[in-house]
Structure formats: structure tokens, C-alpha cells
């Protein structure tokens, strides 16, 4: 199986980067993928945001795909991202179940394409 490409895009203006990174690492560990590296490129400028399709910090990409695809009303730019959890609450990080499911799905795709 090839390694997954996991990225956490962040902007310094949002305080949830460390929480999001911890959640990603926890989900990887729960899935038995502790060795998968998590890249953490910083989005510093509006140009960076535009080039990355960045709709807010943190944005988690798995094999280049946003963990939670952006809603049509979300604007590209330097901002803090808000996620809706499965229980309806809003959060600065994704729902842990969404994270686990996205990792599992990506791992299954990687297994098929090896």
C-alpha cells in the first residue's frame, strides 16, 4: 500500500491548529497508521490561499481532497474555518468520526491502487 498524503493547511490567525493536528494524529493512530506523516504547510498570504483553494484554518487534505468539502458560500482567503459536527454543534476542528471515515476511505483507495 502506498502512503497517504495528509496535509493540515493553517493560518497563524487561528488558534485551533494544534488541536486539529492532535486530532489528525489521533485518528491516524486509531486507524493503525501512526507512521503516516502529516505535512503542515502554512498559508501566509491571500495568494497562497487562492493557490491552495484555502477556505480557512485548519483545512485538512487527504490525498489532496478536502476532508470536508467547502460549502458554496465559503470564501477562499485567510480566515478561521468552522466545521459542523454530526450532533449539529459548530467546532473549529472537524468531527472525529468524519476524520476517521475519510482516512479509512483513502486507505481503501490506496490499497486498490497499489
N, C-alpha and C. Protein backbone atom coordinates (compact mmCIF):
# COMPACT_ATOMS: atom_id res chain seq x y z
N UNK A 1 0.85 -1.19 0.00
CA UNK A 1 0.00 0.00 0.00
C UNK A 1 0.88 1.24 0.00
N UNK A 2 0.53 2.21 -0.79
CA UNK A 2 1.29 3.47 -0.80
C UNK A 2 0.88 4.30 0.41
N UNK A 3 1.76 5.22 0.80
CA UNK A 3 1.44 6.11 1.92
C UNK A 3 0.39 7.12 1.51
N UNK A 4 -0.44 7.47 2.46
CA UNK A 4 -1.39 8.55 2.23
C UNK A 4 -0.67 9.88 2.31
N UNK A 5 -1.18 10.85 1.61
CA UNK A 5 -0.66 12.22 1.68
C UNK A 5 -1.63 13.00 2.56
N UNK A 6 -1.19 13.33 3.77
CA UNK A 6 -2.05 14.05 4.71
C UNK A 6 -1.44 15.42 4.97
N UNK A 7 -2.24 16.45 4.75
CA UNK A 7 -1.80 17.82 4.98
C UNK A 7 -2.79 18.55 5.88
N UNK A 8 -2.26 19.38 6.74
CA UNK A 8 -3.08 20.28 7.53
C UNK A 8 -2.62 21.70 7.16
N UNK A 9 -3.45 22.38 6.38
CA UNK A 9 -3.16 23.75 5.98
C UNK A 9 -3.63 24.68 7.08
N UNK A 10 -2.79 25.64 7.44
CA UNK A 10 -3.15 26.51 8.56
C UNK A 10 -2.72 27.94 8.29
N UNK A 11 -3.35 28.83 9.06
CA UNK A 11 -3.05 30.26 9.03
C UNK A 11 -2.82 30.70 10.46
N UNK A 12 -1.80 31.53 10.67
CA UNK A 12 -1.42 31.90 12.04
C UNK A 12 -2.50 32.66 12.80
N UNK A 13 -3.47 33.21 12.12
CA UNK A 13 -4.52 33.97 12.79
C UNK A 13 -5.57 33.13 13.50
N UNK A 14 -5.49 31.81 13.36
CA UNK A 14 -6.47 30.94 14.01
C UNK A 14 -5.79 30.08 15.07
N UNK A 15 -6.43 29.96 16.21
CA UNK A 15 -5.80 29.26 17.34
C UNK A 15 -5.99 27.75 17.37
N UNK A 16 -6.65 27.16 16.41
CA UNK A 16 -7.02 25.75 16.52
C UNK A 16 -6.08 24.78 15.80
N UNK A 17 -4.95 25.27 15.31
CA UNK A 17 -4.03 24.41 14.56
C UNK A 17 -3.56 23.22 15.38
N UNK A 18 -3.10 23.45 16.59
CA UNK A 18 -2.57 22.36 17.42
C UNK A 18 -3.65 21.33 17.76
N UNK A 19 -4.85 21.80 18.06
CA UNK A 19 -5.97 20.87 18.33
C UNK A 19 -6.27 20.02 17.11
N UNK A 20 -6.27 20.65 15.94
CA UNK A 20 -6.56 19.92 14.71
C UNK A 20 -5.47 18.91 14.41
N UNK A 21 -4.22 19.31 14.60
CA UNK A 21 -3.10 18.40 14.36
C UNK A 21 -3.17 17.20 15.31
N UNK A 22 -3.49 17.45 16.56
CA UNK A 22 -3.63 16.36 17.53
C UNK A 22 -4.77 15.42 17.12
N UNK A 23 -5.86 15.97 16.62
CA UNK A 23 -7.00 15.14 16.19
C UNK A 23 -6.62 14.28 14.99
N UNK A 24 -5.88 14.85 14.05
CA UNK A 24 -5.44 14.09 12.88
C UNK A 24 -4.53 12.94 13.32
N UNK A 25 -3.56 13.25 14.17
CA UNK A 25 -2.63 12.21 14.63
C UNK A 25 -3.36 11.12 15.42
N UNK A 26 -4.33 11.51 16.22
CA UNK A 26 -5.11 10.53 16.99
C UNK A 26 -5.90 9.62 16.05
N UNK A 27 -6.52 10.20 15.03
CA UNK A 27 -7.28 9.40 14.07
C UNK A 27 -6.37 8.46 13.30
N UNK A 28 -5.18 8.93 12.92
CA UNK A 28 -4.22 8.06 12.24
C UNK A 28 -3.83 6.89 13.15
N UNK A 29 -3.56 7.19 14.40
CA UNK A 29 -3.17 6.13 15.35
C UNK A 29 -4.30 5.12 15.53
N UNK A 30 -5.53 5.60 15.65
CA UNK A 30 -6.67 4.70 15.81
C UNK A 30 -6.85 3.79 14.60
N UNK A 31 -6.44 4.29 13.42
CA UNK A 31 -6.56 3.52 12.19
C UNK A 31 -5.34 2.64 11.94
N UNK A 32 -4.38 2.64 12.87
CA UNK A 32 -3.17 1.86 12.69
C UNK A 32 -2.20 2.46 11.70
N UNK A 33 -2.29 3.78 11.49
CA UNK A 33 -1.44 4.47 10.52
C UNK A 33 -0.53 5.50 11.20
N UNK A 34 0.01 5.13 12.37
CA UNK A 34 0.83 6.08 13.13
C UNK A 34 2.00 6.63 12.33
N UNK A 35 2.53 5.84 11.41
CA UNK A 35 3.72 6.25 10.66
C UNK A 35 3.46 7.21 9.51
N UNK A 36 2.20 7.48 9.22
CA UNK A 36 1.89 8.40 8.12
C UNK A 36 2.23 9.82 8.55
N UNK A 37 3.12 10.49 7.81
CA UNK A 37 3.46 11.86 8.19
C UNK A 37 2.32 12.83 7.87
N UNK A 38 2.24 13.87 8.66
CA UNK A 38 1.27 14.94 8.43
C UNK A 38 2.06 16.20 8.10
N UNK A 39 1.92 16.65 6.86
CA UNK A 39 2.59 17.89 6.47
C UNK A 39 1.74 19.07 6.92
N UNK A 40 2.40 20.16 7.31
CA UNK A 40 1.68 21.31 7.86
C UNK A 40 2.10 22.61 7.17
N UNK A 41 1.79 22.76 5.89
CA UNK A 41 2.15 24.00 5.22
C UNK A 41 1.33 25.18 5.75
N UNK A 42 2.03 26.27 5.98
CA UNK A 42 1.37 27.49 6.45
C UNK A 42 0.89 28.30 5.26
N UNK A 43 -0.33 28.78 5.34
CA UNK A 43 -0.89 29.68 4.34
C UNK A 43 -0.66 31.09 4.88
N UNK A 44 0.18 31.86 4.20
CA UNK A 44 0.61 33.16 4.73
C UNK A 44 -0.03 34.36 4.05
N UNK A 45 -0.39 34.20 2.80
CA UNK A 45 -0.88 35.35 2.04
C UNK A 45 -2.18 35.00 1.31
N UNK A 46 -2.86 36.03 0.84
CA UNK A 46 -4.06 35.80 0.03
C UNK A 46 -3.71 35.00 -1.23
N UNK A 47 -2.53 35.26 -1.79
CA UNK A 47 -2.11 34.49 -2.97
C UNK A 47 -1.94 33.01 -2.62
N UNK A 48 -1.33 32.73 -1.46
CA UNK A 48 -1.20 31.33 -1.01
C UNK A 48 -2.59 30.70 -0.88
N UNK A 49 -3.52 31.44 -0.27
CA UNK A 49 -4.87 30.94 -0.07
C UNK A 49 -5.54 30.63 -1.40
N UNK A 50 -5.41 31.53 -2.33
CA UNK A 50 -6.01 31.33 -3.65
C UNK A 50 -5.40 30.12 -4.35
N UNK A 51 -4.07 30.01 -4.31
CA UNK A 51 -3.39 28.89 -4.96
C UNK A 51 -3.78 27.54 -4.36
N UNK A 52 -4.03 27.51 -3.06
CA UNK A 52 -4.36 26.26 -2.36
C UNK A 52 -5.86 26.00 -2.30
N UNK A 53 -6.69 26.96 -2.73
CA UNK A 53 -8.13 26.82 -2.57
C UNK A 53 -8.52 26.79 -1.10
N UNK A 54 -7.81 27.57 -0.30
CA UNK A 54 -7.90 27.57 1.16
C UNK A 54 -9.12 28.36 1.63
N UNK A 55 -10.06 27.65 2.29
CA UNK A 55 -11.28 28.31 2.77
C UNK A 55 -11.26 28.54 4.28
N UNK A 56 -10.10 28.37 4.87
CA UNK A 56 -9.98 28.66 6.30
C UNK A 56 -9.10 27.67 7.02
N UNK A 57 -8.68 28.10 8.19
CA UNK A 57 -7.76 27.33 9.02
C UNK A 57 -8.51 26.70 10.18
N UNK A 58 -8.30 25.42 10.37
CA UNK A 58 -7.46 24.49 9.61
C UNK A 58 -8.24 23.83 8.47
N UNK A 59 -7.53 23.51 7.41
CA UNK A 59 -8.09 22.71 6.33
C UNK A 59 -7.26 21.44 6.26
N UNK A 60 -7.92 20.31 6.26
CA UNK A 60 -7.24 19.02 6.25
C UNK A 60 -7.48 18.36 4.89
N UNK A 61 -6.38 18.05 4.22
CA UNK A 61 -6.44 17.39 2.92
C UNK A 61 -5.89 15.98 3.05
N UNK A 62 -6.58 15.03 2.47
CA UNK A 62 -6.12 13.65 2.42
C UNK A 62 -6.03 13.27 0.95
N UNK A 63 -4.80 13.01 0.51
CA UNK A 63 -4.53 12.77 -0.91
C UNK A 63 -5.07 13.91 -1.76
N UNK A 64 -4.91 15.13 -1.26
CA UNK A 64 -5.28 16.33 -1.99
C UNK A 64 -6.75 16.69 -1.95
N UNK A 65 -7.56 15.90 -1.24
CA UNK A 65 -9.00 16.13 -1.17
C UNK A 65 -9.36 16.67 0.21
N UNK A 66 -10.12 17.75 0.23
CA UNK A 66 -10.55 18.34 1.49
C UNK A 66 -11.39 17.33 2.26
N UNK A 67 -11.03 17.14 3.52
CA UNK A 67 -11.76 16.22 4.41
C UNK A 67 -13.25 16.53 4.41
N UNK A 68 -13.58 17.80 4.49
CA UNK A 68 -14.97 18.26 4.46
C UNK A 68 -15.05 19.28 3.33
N UNK A 69 -15.55 18.86 2.17
CA UNK A 69 -15.59 19.80 1.05
C UNK A 69 -16.27 21.11 1.45
N UNK A 70 -15.69 22.19 0.98
CA UNK A 70 -16.20 23.52 1.33
C UNK A 70 -17.60 23.73 0.77
N UNK A 71 -18.42 24.39 1.55
CA UNK A 71 -19.75 24.77 1.09
C UNK A 71 -19.61 25.90 0.07
N UNK A 72 -20.60 26.03 -0.78
CA UNK A 72 -20.55 27.03 -1.84
C UNK A 72 -20.36 28.44 -1.30
N UNK A 73 -20.90 28.71 -0.10
CA UNK A 73 -20.80 30.07 0.43
C UNK A 73 -19.46 30.37 1.10
N UNK A 74 -18.61 29.36 1.28
CA UNK A 74 -17.31 29.60 1.91
C UNK A 74 -16.38 30.28 0.92
N UNK A 75 -15.75 31.33 1.39
CA UNK A 75 -14.87 32.13 0.55
C UNK A 75 -13.41 31.71 0.74
N UNK A 76 -12.66 31.72 -0.34
CA UNK A 76 -11.22 31.47 -0.27
C UNK A 76 -10.56 32.68 0.36
N UNK A 77 -9.68 32.43 1.32
CA UNK A 77 -8.96 33.54 1.95
C UNK A 77 -8.45 33.18 3.32
N UNK A 78 -7.79 34.14 3.94
CA UNK A 78 -7.22 33.97 5.27
C UNK A 78 -8.31 34.16 6.30
N UNK A 79 -8.77 33.06 6.87
CA UNK A 79 -9.84 33.10 7.86
C UNK A 79 -9.78 31.84 8.72
N UNK A 80 -10.57 31.85 9.78
CA UNK A 80 -10.71 30.66 10.61
C UNK A 80 -11.89 29.85 10.06
N UNK A 81 -11.70 28.57 9.97
CA UNK A 81 -12.73 27.70 9.43
C UNK A 81 -13.63 27.19 10.56
N UNK A 82 -14.87 26.99 10.24
CA UNK A 82 -15.84 26.45 11.18
C UNK A 82 -16.41 25.17 10.57
N UNK A 83 -16.41 24.13 11.36
CA UNK A 83 -16.96 22.84 10.94
C UNK A 83 -18.25 22.56 11.69
N UNK A 84 -19.15 21.84 11.05
CA UNK A 84 -20.37 21.40 11.73
C UNK A 84 -20.17 19.93 12.10
N UNK A 85 -20.32 19.66 13.38
CA UNK A 85 -20.20 18.28 13.87
C UNK A 85 -21.49 17.53 13.60
N UNK A 86 -21.42 16.24 13.70
CA UNK A 86 -22.59 15.40 13.41
C UNK A 86 -23.75 15.66 14.35
N UNK A 87 -23.45 16.13 15.56
CA UNK A 87 -24.53 16.42 16.51
C UNK A 87 -25.09 17.84 16.32
N UNK A 88 -24.62 18.54 15.28
CA UNK A 88 -25.13 19.87 14.97
C UNK A 88 -24.33 21.02 15.53
N UNK A 89 -23.45 20.74 16.49
CA UNK A 89 -22.63 21.81 17.06
C UNK A 89 -21.60 22.29 16.04
N UNK A 90 -21.17 23.54 16.20
CA UNK A 90 -20.08 24.04 15.38
C UNK A 90 -18.78 23.89 16.16
N UNK A 91 -17.69 23.75 15.42
CA UNK A 91 -16.40 23.48 16.04
C UNK A 91 -15.29 24.03 15.14
N UNK A 92 -14.15 24.40 15.72
CA UNK A 92 -13.03 24.85 14.91
C UNK A 92 -12.24 23.69 14.29
N UNK A 93 -12.60 22.45 14.63
CA UNK A 93 -11.96 21.29 14.03
C UNK A 93 -13.04 20.32 13.58
N UNK A 94 -12.72 19.45 12.61
CA UNK A 94 -13.74 18.52 12.10
C UNK A 94 -14.18 17.50 13.15
N UNK A 95 -15.34 16.93 12.91
CA UNK A 95 -15.85 15.85 13.75
C UNK A 95 -14.88 14.67 13.67
N UNK A 96 -14.50 14.08 14.79
CA UNK A 96 -13.57 12.94 14.76
C UNK A 96 -14.06 11.79 13.89
N UNK A 97 -15.36 11.55 13.85
CA UNK A 97 -15.89 10.48 13.00
C UNK A 97 -15.68 10.78 11.52
N UNK A 98 -15.83 12.04 11.12
CA UNK A 98 -15.57 12.42 9.73
C UNK A 98 -14.11 12.19 9.38
N UNK A 99 -13.23 12.52 10.30
CA UNK A 99 -11.80 12.34 10.09
C UNK A 99 -11.46 10.86 9.94
N UNK A 100 -11.98 10.04 10.84
CA UNK A 100 -11.71 8.59 10.77
C UNK A 100 -12.24 7.99 9.46
N UNK A 101 -13.45 8.37 9.09
CA UNK A 101 -14.04 7.82 7.86
C UNK A 101 -13.25 8.24 6.62
N UNK A 102 -12.80 9.49 6.58
CA UNK A 102 -12.03 9.96 5.43
C UNK A 102 -10.69 9.22 5.33
N UNK A 103 -10.04 9.00 6.46
CA UNK A 103 -8.78 8.26 6.45
C UNK A 103 -9.00 6.81 6.01
N UNK A 104 -10.04 6.18 6.51
CA UNK A 104 -10.33 4.80 6.14
C UNK A 104 -10.63 4.70 4.65
N UNK A 105 -11.43 5.61 4.14
CA UNK A 105 -11.77 5.60 2.72
C UNK A 105 -10.53 5.80 1.86
N UNK A 106 -9.67 6.74 2.25
CA UNK A 106 -8.44 6.99 1.49
C UNK A 106 -7.51 5.78 1.55
N UNK A 107 -7.44 5.13 2.71
CA UNK A 107 -6.60 3.93 2.84
C UNK A 107 -7.12 2.81 1.94
N UNK A 108 -8.43 2.67 1.86
CA UNK A 108 -9.01 1.64 0.99
C UNK A 108 -8.72 1.95 -0.47
N UNK A 109 -8.82 3.21 -0.87
CA UNK A 109 -8.49 3.59 -2.25
C UNK A 109 -7.02 3.33 -2.54
N UNK A 110 -6.15 3.64 -1.58
CA UNK A 110 -4.72 3.43 -1.76
C UNK A 110 -4.41 1.94 -1.92
N UNK A 111 -5.12 1.10 -1.18
CA UNK A 111 -4.92 -0.35 -1.28
C UNK A 111 -5.32 -0.84 -2.67
N UNK A 112 -6.39 -0.30 -3.20
CA UNK A 112 -6.87 -0.71 -4.52
C UNK A 112 -5.90 -0.27 -5.61
N UNK A 113 -5.26 0.89 -5.44
CA UNK A 113 -4.41 1.44 -6.49
C UNK A 113 -2.94 1.08 -6.34
N UNK A 114 -2.59 0.23 -5.39
CA UNK A 114 -1.16 -0.07 -5.20
C UNK A 114 -0.57 -0.84 -6.34
